[in-house]
């Protein structure tokens, strides 16, 4: 979903008549935003996986008792 949004934004930027330097800056800013969003999602996923692992360990421990 993020990749599609980034692709749409890039196409919109590329079709807009602007100076090359301004266009490159906008593309870079857009890529930076997408990378930041992806990093946040990965961090959330990592935290969720840690929580699931801890829960599984607790269930395992309870089953052994």
C-alpha atoms as a PDB file:
ATOM      1  CA  UNK A   1       0.000   0.000   0.000  1.00  0.00           C
ATOM      2  CA  UNK A   2       2.850   2.369   0.860  1.00  0.00           C
ATOM      3  CA  UNK A   3       4.647   1.505  -2.359  1.00  0.00           C
ATOM      4  CA  UNK A   4       1.536   2.301  -4.391  1.00  0.00           C
ATOM      5  CA  UNK A   5       1.156   5.638  -2.615  1.00  0.00           C
ATOM      6  CA  UNK A   6       4.807   6.455  -3.235  1.00  0.00           C
ATOM      7  CA  UNK A   7       4.514   5.484  -6.899  1.00  0.00           C
ATOM      8  CA  UNK A   8       1.430   7.668  -7.312  1.00  0.00           C
ATOM      9  CA  UNK A   9       3.149  10.600  -5.657  1.00  0.00           C
ATOM     10  CA  UNK A  10       6.241  10.145  -7.818  1.00  0.00           C
ATOM     11  CA  UNK A  11       4.170  10.056 -11.000  1.00  0.00           C
ATOM     12  CA  UNK A  12       2.317  13.202  -9.945  1.00  0.00           C
ATOM     13  CA  UNK A  13       5.570  14.977  -9.217  1.00  0.00           C
ATOM     14  CA  UNK A  14       7.136  13.870 -12.479  1.00  0.00           C
ATOM     15  CA  UNK A  15       4.186  15.148 -14.500  1.00  0.00           C
ATOM     16  CA  UNK A  16       4.208  18.578 -12.845  1.00  0.00           C
ATOM     17  CA  UNK A  17       6.204  21.229 -14.744  1.00  0.00           C
ATOM     18  CA  UNK A  18       9.053  22.286 -12.435  1.00  0.00           C
ATOM     19  CA  UNK A  19      12.757  22.944 -12.396  1.00  0.00           C
ATOM     20  CA  UNK A  20      14.955  19.843 -12.198  1.00  0.00           C
ATOM     21  CA  UNK A  21      16.454  20.726  -8.819  1.00  0.00           C
ATOM     22  CA  UNK A  22      13.011  21.310  -7.289  1.00  0.00           C
ATOM     23  CA  UNK A  23      11.735  18.057  -8.761  1.00  0.00           C
ATOM     24  CA  UNK A  24      14.701  16.091  -7.367  1.00  0.00           C
ATOM     25  CA  UNK A  25      14.174  17.641  -3.935  1.00  0.00           C
ATOM     26  CA  UNK A  26      10.483  16.697  -3.942  1.00  0.00           C
ATOM     27  CA  UNK A  27      11.255  13.122  -5.018  1.00  0.00           C
ATOM     28  CA  UNK A  28      13.923  12.813  -2.313  1.00  0.00           C
ATOM     29  CA  UNK A  29      11.534  14.180   0.317  1.00  0.00           C
ATOM     30  CA  UNK A  30       8.851  11.717  -0.791  1.00  0.00           C
ATOM     31  CA  UNK A  31      11.251   8.793  -0.627  1.00  0.00           C
ATOM     32  CA  UNK A  32      12.454   9.894   2.804  1.00  0.00           C
ATOM     33  CA  UNK A  33       8.846  10.000   4.029  1.00  0.00           C
ATOM     34  CA  UNK A  34       8.093   6.523   2.717  1.00  0.00           C
ATOM     35  CA  UNK A  35      11.285   5.136   4.261  1.00  0.00           C
ATOM     36  CA  UNK A  36      10.378   6.695   7.615  1.00  0.00           C
ATOM     37  CA  UNK A  37       6.898   5.151   7.447  1.00  0.00           C
ATOM     38  CA  UNK A  38       8.356   1.745   6.566  1.00  0.00           C
ATOM     39  CA  UNK A  39      10.839   1.992   9.448  1.00  0.00           C
ATOM     40  CA  UNK A  40       8.018   2.780  11.868  1.00  0.00           C
ATOM     41  CA  UNK A  41       5.961  -0.147  10.595  1.00  0.00           C
ATOM     42  CA  UNK A  42       8.925  -2.495  10.920  1.00  0.00           C
ATOM     43  CA  UNK A  43       9.543  -1.327  14.492  1.00  0.00           C
ATOM     44  CA  UNK A  44       5.877  -1.919  15.353  1.00  0.00           C
ATOM     45  CA  UNK A  45       6.025  -5.364  13.755  1.00  0.00           C
ATOM     46  CA  UNK A  46       9.172  -6.211  15.686  1.00  0.00           C
ATOM     47  CA  UNK A  47       7.548  -5.186  18.974  1.00  0.00           C
ATOM     48  CA  UNK A  48       4.447  -7.217  18.142  1.00  0.00           C
ATOM     49  CA  UNK A  49       6.551 -10.287  17.336  1.00  0.00           C
ATOM     50  CA  UNK A  50       8.372  -9.935  20.667  1.00  0.00           C
ATOM     51  CA  UNK A  51       5.029  -9.752  22.487  1.00  0.00           C
ATOM     52  CA  UNK A  52       3.724 -12.816  20.645  1.00  0.00           C
ATOM     53  CA  UNK A  53       6.908 -14.744  21.475  1.00  0.00           C
ATOM     54  CA  UNK A  54       6.621 -13.849  25.170  1.00  0.00           C
ATOM     55  CA  UNK A  55       2.969 -14.909  25.197  1.00  0.00           C
ATOM     56  CA  UNK A  56       3.842 -18.224  23.552  1.00  0.00           C
ATOM     57  CA  UNK A  57       6.563 -18.809  26.149  1.00  0.00           C
ATOM     58  CA  UNK A  58       4.082 -18.116  28.954  1.00  0.00           C
ATOM     59  CA  UNK A  59       1.551 -20.543  27.485  1.00  0.00           C
ATOM     60  CA  UNK A  60       4.265 -23.163  27.081  1.00  0.00           C
ATOM     61  CA  UNK A  61       5.356 -22.683  30.682  1.00  0.00           C
ATOM     62  CA  UNK A  62       1.754 -22.941  31.907  1.00  0.00           C
ATOM     63  CA  UNK A  63       1.235 -26.139  29.914  1.00  0.00           C
ATOM     64  CA  UNK A  64       4.354 -27.700  31.448  1.00  0.00           C
ATOM     65  CA  UNK A  65       3.153 -26.935  34.992  1.00  0.00           C
END
